[in-house]
Amino acid sequence: MTPQGFHWSELKASDIVLCHRDGRVLDGEHTVEPTAYFIHAPIRTGRPAAKAVLHTHMPYATSLAIVEDGRLEMVEQGALRFHNRIAYDDGYGGLALNHQEGDRIADAMAYKPIAFLGHHGVVVTASTMATAFDDLDYLERAAQVQTLAKMHGKPFREIPR
């Protein structure tokens, strides 16, 4: 979890907070922001293989999450990396002020490592921080390409089978 107001380029290892599932800070220089805790903790508890949980509101992926039936469509090479790896949670419950929101997100993810959260953003999980961040970066790029392509007002081409 990162402190409020930080840009990723300013992030230091000591800015990342490691906390126990009950919210106690185990390592890091900051406190745990409650809404982040109530999303991250249930996902980590429900997905023990997910050693890293990244939740962001990156503009292109979030733009897909806020439109009706917003999905990352498998119509370009970058998106294909995520084939059958994305869950969609369209049941936004507002600010995560208790475990119910995080529990619902974790349930929606089932065994998929990535979730688009309707009205909210995305969650990417992985066994390492490097893998999670790599997926997050490629996910945003794929969402960007799809968003830009939609601006042409033409239907997507299907990838031949």
N, C-alpha and C. Protein backbone atom coordinates (compact mmCIF):
# COMPACT_ATOMS: atom_id res chain seq x y z
N MET A 1 0.85 -1.17 0.00
CA MET A 1 0.00 0.00 0.00
C MET A 1 0.89 1.23 0.00
N THR A 2 0.55 2.20 -0.80
CA THR A 2 1.37 3.40 -0.90
C THR A 2 0.69 4.56 -0.19
N PRO A 3 1.47 5.49 0.32
CA PRO A 3 0.89 6.66 0.97
C PRO A 3 0.11 7.51 -0.03
N GLN A 4 -0.88 8.23 0.45
CA GLN A 4 -1.68 9.11 -0.40
C GLN A 4 -0.79 10.18 -1.01
N GLY A 5 -1.05 10.52 -2.26
CA GLY A 5 -0.36 11.62 -2.90
C GLY A 5 0.98 11.26 -3.52
N PHE A 6 1.41 10.04 -3.41
CA PHE A 6 2.68 9.64 -4.01
C PHE A 6 2.47 9.31 -5.48
N HIS A 7 3.43 9.67 -6.28
CA HIS A 7 3.47 9.20 -7.65
C HIS A 7 4.41 7.99 -7.67
N TRP A 8 4.12 7.03 -8.52
CA TRP A 8 4.94 5.81 -8.56
C TRP A 8 6.42 6.12 -8.72
N SER A 9 6.76 7.18 -9.45
CA SER A 9 8.17 7.50 -9.68
C SER A 9 8.87 7.97 -8.41
N GLU A 10 8.11 8.38 -7.40
CA GLU A 10 8.68 8.85 -6.14
C GLU A 10 8.74 7.75 -5.08
N LEU A 11 8.21 6.59 -5.39
CA LEU A 11 8.09 5.50 -4.43
C LEU A 11 9.44 4.90 -4.07
N LYS A 12 9.64 4.69 -2.78
CA LYS A 12 10.82 3.99 -2.28
C LYS A 12 10.34 2.70 -1.61
N ALA A 13 11.23 1.75 -1.47
CA ALA A 13 10.86 0.47 -0.84
C ALA A 13 10.27 0.71 0.54
N SER A 14 10.80 1.65 1.29
CA SER A 14 10.31 1.91 2.65
C SER A 14 8.91 2.53 2.66
N ASP A 15 8.42 2.99 1.50
CA ASP A 15 7.07 3.54 1.42
C ASP A 15 6.01 2.46 1.32
N ILE A 16 6.43 1.25 0.96
CA ILE A 16 5.48 0.14 0.86
C ILE A 16 5.27 -0.41 2.27
N VAL A 17 4.02 -0.56 2.62
CA VAL A 17 3.67 -1.02 3.95
C VAL A 17 3.30 -2.50 3.90
N LEU A 18 3.95 -3.28 4.73
CA LEU A 18 3.59 -4.68 4.90
C LEU A 18 2.80 -4.75 6.20
N CYS A 19 1.61 -5.31 6.10
CA CYS A 19 0.81 -5.39 7.32
C CYS A 19 0.26 -6.79 7.51
N HIS A 20 -0.03 -7.09 8.75
CA HIS A 20 -0.67 -8.35 9.14
C HIS A 20 -2.12 -8.30 8.65
N ARG A 21 -2.75 -9.44 8.54
CA ARG A 21 -4.14 -9.44 8.08
C ARG A 21 -5.08 -8.68 9.00
N ASP A 22 -4.65 -8.41 10.25
CA ASP A 22 -5.49 -7.62 11.16
C ASP A 22 -5.22 -6.11 11.05
N GLY A 23 -4.29 -5.71 10.15
CA GLY A 23 -4.02 -4.30 9.92
C GLY A 23 -2.80 -3.75 10.62
N ARG A 24 -2.18 -4.53 11.50
CA ARG A 24 -0.96 -4.05 12.17
C ARG A 24 0.16 -3.92 11.16
N VAL A 25 0.88 -2.80 11.21
CA VAL A 25 2.01 -2.60 10.31
C VAL A 25 3.17 -3.45 10.79
N LEU A 26 3.69 -4.29 9.89
CA LEU A 26 4.83 -5.16 10.20
C LEU A 26 6.13 -4.55 9.68
N ASP A 27 6.03 -3.81 8.58
CA ASP A 27 7.22 -3.20 8.01
C ASP A 27 6.78 -2.01 7.16
N GLY A 28 7.58 -0.96 7.18
CA GLY A 28 7.27 0.24 6.42
C GLY A 28 7.15 1.43 7.34
N GLU A 29 7.19 2.60 6.74
CA GLU A 29 7.22 3.84 7.52
C GLU A 29 5.88 4.54 7.64
N HIS A 30 4.82 3.95 7.11
CA HIS A 30 3.53 4.65 7.06
C HIS A 30 2.44 3.82 7.73
N THR A 31 1.33 4.45 7.95
CA THR A 31 0.16 3.74 8.47
C THR A 31 -0.59 3.10 7.30
N VAL A 32 -1.51 2.25 7.62
CA VAL A 32 -2.32 1.59 6.60
C VAL A 32 -3.59 2.40 6.40
N GLU A 33 -3.82 2.81 5.17
CA GLU A 33 -5.02 3.57 4.85
C GLU A 33 -6.21 2.60 4.91
N PRO A 34 -7.26 2.91 5.66
CA PRO A 34 -8.34 1.94 5.89
C PRO A 34 -9.01 1.39 4.64
N THR A 35 -9.35 2.23 3.67
CA THR A 35 -10.04 1.68 2.49
C THR A 35 -9.12 0.75 1.70
N ALA A 36 -7.83 1.02 1.70
CA ALA A 36 -6.89 0.11 1.04
C ALA A 36 -6.82 -1.21 1.79
N TYR A 37 -6.76 -1.13 3.10
CA TYR A 37 -6.69 -2.34 3.93
C TYR A 37 -7.93 -3.22 3.69
N PHE A 38 -9.10 -2.61 3.65
CA PHE A 38 -10.33 -3.39 3.51
C PHE A 38 -10.50 -4.01 2.12
N ILE A 39 -9.69 -3.59 1.16
CA ILE A 39 -9.66 -4.26 -0.14
C ILE A 39 -8.55 -5.30 -0.17
N HIS A 40 -7.35 -4.90 0.22
CA HIS A 40 -6.18 -5.78 0.11
C HIS A 40 -6.27 -7.00 1.04
N ALA A 41 -6.64 -6.80 2.28
CA ALA A 41 -6.62 -7.90 3.26
C ALA A 41 -7.51 -9.07 2.86
N PRO A 42 -8.78 -8.85 2.49
CA PRO A 42 -9.60 -10.00 2.08
C PRO A 42 -9.09 -10.71 0.83
N ILE A 43 -8.51 -9.94 -0.09
CA ILE A 43 -7.96 -10.58 -1.29
C ILE A 43 -6.79 -11.47 -0.91
N ARG A 44 -5.91 -10.97 -0.08
CA ARG A 44 -4.75 -11.76 0.36
C ARG A 44 -5.19 -12.98 1.15
N THR A 45 -6.17 -12.82 2.01
CA THR A 45 -6.66 -13.94 2.81
C THR A 45 -7.31 -15.00 1.91
N GLY A 46 -8.08 -14.55 0.92
CA GLY A 46 -8.79 -15.47 0.04
C GLY A 46 -7.92 -16.06 -1.05
N ARG A 47 -6.76 -15.46 -1.30
CA ARG A 47 -5.88 -15.91 -2.37
C ARG A 47 -4.46 -16.01 -1.82
N PRO A 48 -4.15 -17.05 -1.05
CA PRO A 48 -2.83 -17.17 -0.42
C PRO A 48 -1.65 -17.11 -1.39
N ALA A 49 -1.85 -17.51 -2.64
CA ALA A 49 -0.75 -17.45 -3.62
C ALA A 49 -0.46 -16.01 -4.05
N ALA A 50 -1.38 -15.10 -3.77
CA ALA A 50 -1.20 -13.70 -4.15
C ALA A 50 -0.35 -12.99 -3.10
N LYS A 51 0.94 -13.04 -3.29
CA LYS A 51 1.87 -12.38 -2.36
C LYS A 51 1.88 -10.87 -2.57
N ALA A 52 1.54 -10.44 -3.79
CA ALA A 52 1.46 -9.01 -4.11
C ALA A 52 0.05 -8.71 -4.60
N VAL A 53 -0.54 -7.65 -4.07
CA VAL A 53 -1.86 -7.19 -4.48
C VAL A 53 -1.73 -5.70 -4.81
N LEU A 54 -1.91 -5.36 -6.07
CA LEU A 54 -1.86 -3.96 -6.50
C LEU A 54 -3.26 -3.52 -6.90
N HIS A 55 -3.69 -2.42 -6.35
CA HIS A 55 -5.00 -1.85 -6.69
C HIS A 55 -4.77 -0.41 -7.11
N THR A 56 -5.20 -0.09 -8.33
CA THR A 56 -4.98 1.27 -8.84
C THR A 56 -6.23 1.80 -9.53
N HIS A 57 -6.17 3.08 -9.80
CA HIS A 57 -7.21 3.77 -10.55
C HIS A 57 -6.57 4.38 -11.80
N MET A 58 -5.75 3.60 -12.49
CA MET A 58 -5.07 4.08 -13.70
C MET A 58 -6.12 4.47 -14.73
N PRO A 59 -5.88 5.54 -15.50
CA PRO A 59 -6.95 6.13 -16.31
C PRO A 59 -7.57 5.23 -17.37
N TYR A 60 -6.79 4.51 -18.13
CA TYR A 60 -7.38 3.74 -19.23
C TYR A 60 -8.10 2.50 -18.72
N ALA A 61 -7.50 1.76 -17.81
CA ALA A 61 -8.18 0.59 -17.25
C ALA A 61 -9.43 1.01 -16.48
N THR A 62 -9.33 2.09 -15.73
CA THR A 62 -10.49 2.57 -14.98
C THR A 62 -11.58 3.04 -15.93
N SER A 63 -11.19 3.64 -17.06
CA SER A 63 -12.22 4.09 -18.01
C SER A 63 -13.04 2.91 -18.53
N LEU A 64 -12.41 1.74 -18.67
CA LEU A 64 -13.18 0.55 -19.06
C LEU A 64 -14.09 0.10 -17.94
N ALA A 65 -13.64 0.28 -16.71
CA ALA A 65 -14.41 -0.18 -15.55
C ALA A 65 -15.65 0.67 -15.29
N ILE A 66 -15.70 1.88 -15.86
CA ILE A 66 -16.83 2.77 -15.54
C ILE A 66 -17.89 2.83 -16.64
N VAL A 67 -17.64 2.14 -17.76
CA VAL A 67 -18.66 2.14 -18.82
C VAL A 67 -19.49 0.87 -18.73
N GLU A 68 -20.71 0.97 -19.20
CA GLU A 68 -21.62 -0.19 -19.19
C GLU A 68 -20.99 -1.35 -19.95
N ASP A 69 -20.95 -2.51 -19.32
CA ASP A 69 -20.37 -3.72 -19.90
C ASP A 69 -18.91 -3.52 -20.32
N GLY A 70 -18.19 -2.67 -19.60
CA GLY A 70 -16.79 -2.42 -19.92
C GLY A 70 -15.95 -3.67 -19.70
N ARG A 71 -15.32 -4.10 -20.75
CA ARG A 71 -14.49 -5.30 -20.71
C ARG A 71 -13.24 -5.06 -21.53
N LEU A 72 -12.15 -5.68 -21.15
CA LEU A 72 -10.97 -5.67 -21.99
C LEU A 72 -11.22 -6.75 -23.03
N GLU A 73 -11.44 -6.34 -24.25
CA GLU A 73 -11.77 -7.29 -25.30
C GLU A 73 -10.51 -7.88 -25.90
N MET A 74 -10.58 -9.15 -26.23
CA MET A 74 -9.42 -9.87 -26.75
C MET A 74 -9.31 -9.64 -28.25
N VAL A 75 -8.94 -8.40 -28.62
CA VAL A 75 -8.90 -8.02 -30.03
C VAL A 75 -7.53 -7.50 -30.47
N GLU A 76 -6.55 -7.52 -29.59
CA GLU A 76 -5.21 -7.10 -29.98
C GLU A 76 -4.19 -7.85 -29.14
N GLN A 77 -2.98 -7.89 -29.67
CA GLN A 77 -1.95 -8.74 -29.08
C GLN A 77 -1.72 -8.48 -27.60
N GLY A 78 -1.68 -7.21 -27.20
CA GLY A 78 -1.43 -6.89 -25.79
C GLY A 78 -2.52 -7.42 -24.86
N ALA A 79 -3.76 -7.38 -25.32
CA ALA A 79 -4.87 -7.88 -24.51
C ALA A 79 -4.83 -9.39 -24.36
N LEU A 80 -4.34 -10.08 -25.39
CA LEU A 80 -4.32 -11.54 -25.36
C LEU A 80 -3.52 -12.10 -24.19
N ARG A 81 -2.59 -11.33 -23.68
CA ARG A 81 -1.82 -11.73 -22.50
C ARG A 81 -2.75 -12.03 -21.32
N PHE A 82 -3.93 -11.43 -21.33
CA PHE A 82 -4.85 -11.53 -20.20
C PHE A 82 -6.05 -12.45 -20.47
N HIS A 83 -5.99 -13.19 -21.57
CA HIS A 83 -7.08 -14.10 -21.91
C HIS A 83 -7.35 -15.08 -20.75
N ASN A 84 -8.58 -15.13 -20.33
CA ASN A 84 -9.04 -16.00 -19.23
C ASN A 84 -8.37 -15.71 -17.89
N ARG A 85 -7.81 -14.53 -17.71
CA ARG A 85 -7.15 -14.18 -16.45
C ARG A 85 -7.87 -13.04 -15.72
N ILE A 86 -8.95 -12.51 -16.30
CA ILE A 86 -9.61 -11.33 -15.74
C ILE A 86 -11.00 -11.69 -15.23
N ALA A 87 -11.27 -11.25 -14.01
CA ALA A 87 -12.62 -11.31 -13.45
C ALA A 87 -13.21 -9.90 -13.51
N TYR A 88 -14.52 -9.82 -13.54
CA TYR A 88 -15.19 -8.53 -13.57
C TYR A 88 -16.16 -8.46 -12.40
N ASP A 89 -15.99 -7.43 -11.59
CA ASP A 89 -16.86 -7.21 -10.44
C ASP A 89 -17.67 -5.95 -10.72
N ASP A 90 -18.93 -6.13 -11.08
CA ASP A 90 -19.78 -5.00 -11.43
C ASP A 90 -20.64 -4.54 -10.27
N GLY A 91 -20.39 -5.05 -9.06
CA GLY A 91 -21.24 -4.74 -7.91
C GLY A 91 -20.67 -3.73 -6.95
N TYR A 92 -20.20 -2.61 -7.44
CA TYR A 92 -19.57 -1.58 -6.59
C TYR A 92 -20.43 -1.26 -5.38
N GLY A 93 -19.82 -1.30 -4.21
CA GLY A 93 -20.53 -1.02 -2.97
C GLY A 93 -20.10 0.26 -2.30
N GLY A 94 -19.39 1.12 -3.00
CA GLY A 94 -18.93 2.38 -2.42
C GLY A 94 -17.56 2.22 -1.77
N LEU A 95 -17.19 3.21 -0.99
CA LEU A 95 -15.90 3.16 -0.30
C LEU A 95 -15.80 1.89 0.54
N ALA A 96 -14.65 1.29 0.51
CA ALA A 96 -14.43 0.07 1.29
C ALA A 96 -14.15 0.46 2.75
N LEU A 97 -15.19 0.54 3.53
CA LEU A 97 -15.06 0.94 4.93
C LEU A 97 -15.19 -0.23 5.89
N ASN A 98 -15.33 -1.44 5.30
CA ASN A 98 -15.33 -2.66 6.10
C ASN A 98 -14.96 -3.82 5.17
N HIS A 99 -14.87 -5.01 5.72
CA HIS A 99 -14.41 -6.15 4.93
C HIS A 99 -15.41 -6.59 3.86
N GLN A 100 -16.66 -6.18 3.92
CA GLN A 100 -17.65 -6.65 2.96
C GLN A 100 -17.26 -6.33 1.52
N GLU A 101 -16.76 -5.11 1.27
CA GLU A 101 -16.37 -4.73 -0.09
C GLU A 101 -15.21 -5.61 -0.57
N GLY A 102 -14.20 -5.77 0.26
CA GLY A 102 -13.05 -6.61 -0.10
C GLY A 102 -13.42 -8.06 -0.26
N ASP A 103 -14.31 -8.57 0.60
CA ASP A 103 -14.77 -9.95 0.48
C ASP A 103 -15.49 -10.18 -0.84
N ARG A 104 -16.34 -9.21 -1.23
CA ARG A 104 -17.06 -9.34 -2.49
C ARG A 104 -16.09 -9.34 -3.67
N ILE A 105 -15.07 -8.46 -3.64
CA ILE A 105 -14.08 -8.42 -4.71
C ILE A 105 -13.32 -9.74 -4.77
N ALA A 106 -12.89 -10.24 -3.61
CA ALA A 106 -12.14 -11.51 -3.56
C ALA A 106 -13.00 -12.65 -4.11
N ASP A 107 -14.28 -12.67 -3.74
CA ASP A 107 -15.18 -13.70 -4.26
C ASP A 107 -15.33 -13.59 -5.78
N ALA A 108 -15.45 -12.37 -6.27
CA ALA A 108 -15.61 -12.17 -7.72
C ALA A 108 -14.37 -12.63 -8.47
N MET A 109 -13.20 -12.45 -7.86
CA MET A 109 -11.95 -12.85 -8.51
C MET A 109 -11.83 -14.36 -8.62
N ALA A 110 -12.42 -15.08 -7.68
CA ALA A 110 -12.30 -16.54 -7.64
C ALA A 110 -10.82 -16.90 -7.77
N TYR A 111 -10.45 -17.55 -8.88
CA TYR A 111 -9.05 -17.94 -9.06
C TYR A 111 -8.35 -17.13 -10.15
N LYS A 112 -8.95 -16.02 -10.53
CA LYS A 112 -8.33 -15.18 -11.55
C LYS A 112 -7.45 -14.13 -10.87
N PRO A 113 -6.30 -13.84 -11.44
CA PRO A 113 -5.36 -12.93 -10.78
C PRO A 113 -5.65 -11.45 -10.98
N ILE A 114 -6.59 -11.13 -11.85
CA ILE A 114 -6.86 -9.73 -12.19
C ILE A 114 -8.36 -9.49 -12.11
N ALA A 115 -8.73 -8.30 -11.63
CA ALA A 115 -10.14 -7.93 -11.59
C ALA A 115 -10.32 -6.49 -12.03
N PHE A 116 -11.31 -6.28 -12.87
CA PHE A 116 -11.80 -4.94 -13.17
C PHE A 116 -12.95 -4.69 -12.20
N LEU A 117 -12.86 -3.61 -11.46
CA LEU A 117 -13.86 -3.27 -10.46
C LEU A 117 -14.77 -2.19 -11.02
N GLY A 118 -16.02 -2.54 -11.27
CA GLY A 118 -16.96 -1.58 -11.83
C GLY A 118 -17.01 -0.30 -11.01
N HIS A 119 -16.94 0.84 -11.68
CA HIS A 119 -16.96 2.17 -11.07
C HIS A 119 -15.73 2.48 -10.24
N HIS A 120 -14.67 1.70 -10.37
CA HIS A 120 -13.61 1.82 -9.37
C HIS A 120 -12.18 1.76 -9.90
N GLY A 121 -11.78 0.72 -10.56
CA GLY A 121 -10.39 0.57 -10.98
C GLY A 121 -10.07 -0.89 -11.22
N VAL A 122 -8.82 -1.27 -10.99
CA VAL A 122 -8.41 -2.65 -11.21
C VAL A 122 -7.60 -3.17 -10.02
N VAL A 123 -7.57 -4.49 -9.90
CA VAL A 123 -6.73 -5.18 -8.94
C VAL A 123 -5.92 -6.21 -9.72
N VAL A 124 -4.63 -6.24 -9.44
CA VAL A 124 -3.74 -7.24 -10.05
C VAL A 124 -3.03 -7.96 -8.92
N THR A 125 -3.05 -9.28 -8.95
CA THR A 125 -2.35 -10.07 -7.94
C THR A 125 -1.32 -10.96 -8.62
N ALA A 126 -0.29 -11.31 -7.88
CA ALA A 126 0.74 -12.20 -8.41
C ALA A 126 1.56 -12.76 -7.26
N SER A 127 2.42 -13.69 -7.59
CA SER A 127 3.27 -14.31 -6.57
C SER A 127 4.45 -13.41 -6.19
N THR A 128 4.76 -12.43 -7.04
CA THR A 128 5.83 -11.48 -6.72
C THR A 128 5.38 -10.07 -7.09
N MET A 129 5.99 -9.07 -6.46
CA MET A 129 5.69 -7.68 -6.77
C MET A 129 6.07 -7.37 -8.22
N ALA A 130 7.20 -7.90 -8.68
CA ALA A 130 7.64 -7.64 -10.05
C ALA A 130 6.63 -8.15 -11.07
N THR A 131 6.11 -9.35 -10.87
CA THR A 131 5.13 -9.91 -11.79
C THR A 131 3.84 -9.12 -11.76
N ALA A 132 3.40 -8.74 -10.56
CA ALA A 132 2.17 -7.95 -10.44
C ALA A 132 2.32 -6.60 -11.14
N PHE A 133 3.44 -5.94 -10.93
CA PHE A 133 3.64 -4.64 -11.55
C PHE A 133 3.75 -4.77 -13.07
N ASP A 134 4.40 -5.81 -13.55
CA ASP A 134 4.51 -6.05 -14.99
C ASP A 134 3.13 -6.24 -15.60
N ASP A 135 2.31 -7.07 -14.97
CA ASP A 135 0.94 -7.27 -15.45
C ASP A 135 0.15 -5.96 -15.42
N LEU A 136 0.30 -5.20 -14.35
CA LEU A 136 -0.42 -3.94 -14.22
C LEU A 136 -0.04 -2.99 -15.36
N ASP A 137 1.23 -2.91 -15.66
CA ASP A 137 1.71 -2.03 -16.73
C ASP A 137 1.14 -2.47 -18.08
N TYR A 138 1.23 -3.75 -18.38
CA TYR A 138 0.71 -4.24 -19.66
C TYR A 138 -0.81 -4.14 -19.73
N LEU A 139 -1.49 -4.30 -18.60
CA LEU A 139 -2.95 -4.16 -18.56
C LEU A 139 -3.35 -2.74 -18.92
N GLU A 140 -2.67 -1.77 -18.34
CA GLU A 140 -2.99 -0.38 -18.65
C GLU A 140 -2.72 -0.07 -20.13
N ARG A 141 -1.64 -0.61 -20.67
CA ARG A 141 -1.34 -0.39 -22.09
C ARG A 141 -2.42 -1.00 -22.99
N ALA A 142 -2.86 -2.20 -22.65
CA ALA A 142 -3.91 -2.85 -23.44
C ALA A 142 -5.21 -2.06 -23.36
N ALA A 143 -5.53 -1.56 -22.17
CA ALA A 143 -6.74 -0.74 -22.01
C ALA A 143 -6.61 0.56 -22.80
N GLN A 144 -5.41 1.12 -22.83
CA GLN A 144 -5.18 2.35 -23.58
C GLN A 144 -5.41 2.13 -25.07
N VAL A 145 -4.85 1.07 -25.61
CA VAL A 145 -5.02 0.77 -27.04
C VAL A 145 -6.50 0.58 -27.35
N GLN A 146 -7.21 -0.17 -26.50
CA GLN A 146 -8.62 -0.42 -26.75
C GLN A 146 -9.42 0.88 -26.68
N THR A 147 -9.12 1.71 -25.69
CA THR A 147 -9.83 2.98 -25.54
C THR A 147 -9.59 3.87 -26.75
N LEU A 148 -8.36 3.96 -27.21
CA LEU A 148 -8.05 4.77 -28.38
C LEU A 148 -8.74 4.22 -29.63
N ALA A 149 -8.75 2.91 -29.78
CA ALA A 149 -9.39 2.30 -30.95
C ALA A 149 -10.89 2.58 -30.97
N LYS A 150 -11.52 2.60 -29.81
CA LYS A 150 -12.96 2.88 -29.75
C LYS A 150 -13.28 4.28 -30.24
N MET A 151 -12.31 5.17 -30.16
CA MET A 151 -12.53 6.55 -30.59
C MET A 151 -12.77 6.65 -32.09
N HIS A 152 -12.40 5.64 -32.85
CA HIS A 152 -12.62 5.64 -34.29
C HIS A 152 -14.10 5.41 -34.61
N GLY A 153 -14.86 4.92 -33.64
CA GLY A 153 -16.28 4.70 -33.85
C GLY A 153 -16.60 3.51 -34.74
N LYS A 154 -15.65 2.67 -34.95
CA LYS A 154 -15.85 1.48 -35.78
C LYS A 154 -15.74 0.24 -34.91
N PRO A 155 -16.36 -0.85 -35.33
CA PRO A 155 -16.27 -2.09 -34.53
C PRO A 155 -14.85 -2.66 -34.57
N PHE A 156 -14.51 -3.38 -33.53
CA PHE A 156 -13.21 -4.04 -33.48
C PHE A 156 -13.19 -5.18 -34.50
N ARG A 157 -12.01 -5.42 -35.04
CA ARG A 157 -11.80 -6.61 -35.87
C ARG A 157 -11.62 -7.79 -34.93
N GLU A 158 -12.19 -8.90 -35.30
CA GLU A 158 -11.94 -10.11 -34.51
C GLU A 158 -10.63 -10.73 -34.94
N ILE A 159 -9.94 -11.32 -33.99
CA ILE A 159 -8.70 -12.03 -34.31
C ILE A 159 -9.08 -13.38 -34.94
N PRO A 160 -8.52 -13.69 -36.11
CA PRO A 160 -8.84 -14.98 -36.75
C PRO A 160 -8.44 -16.14 -35.86
N ARG A 161 -9.20 -17.18 -35.92
CA ARG A 161 -8.88 -18.39 -35.13
C ARG A 161 -8.08 -19.36 -35.94
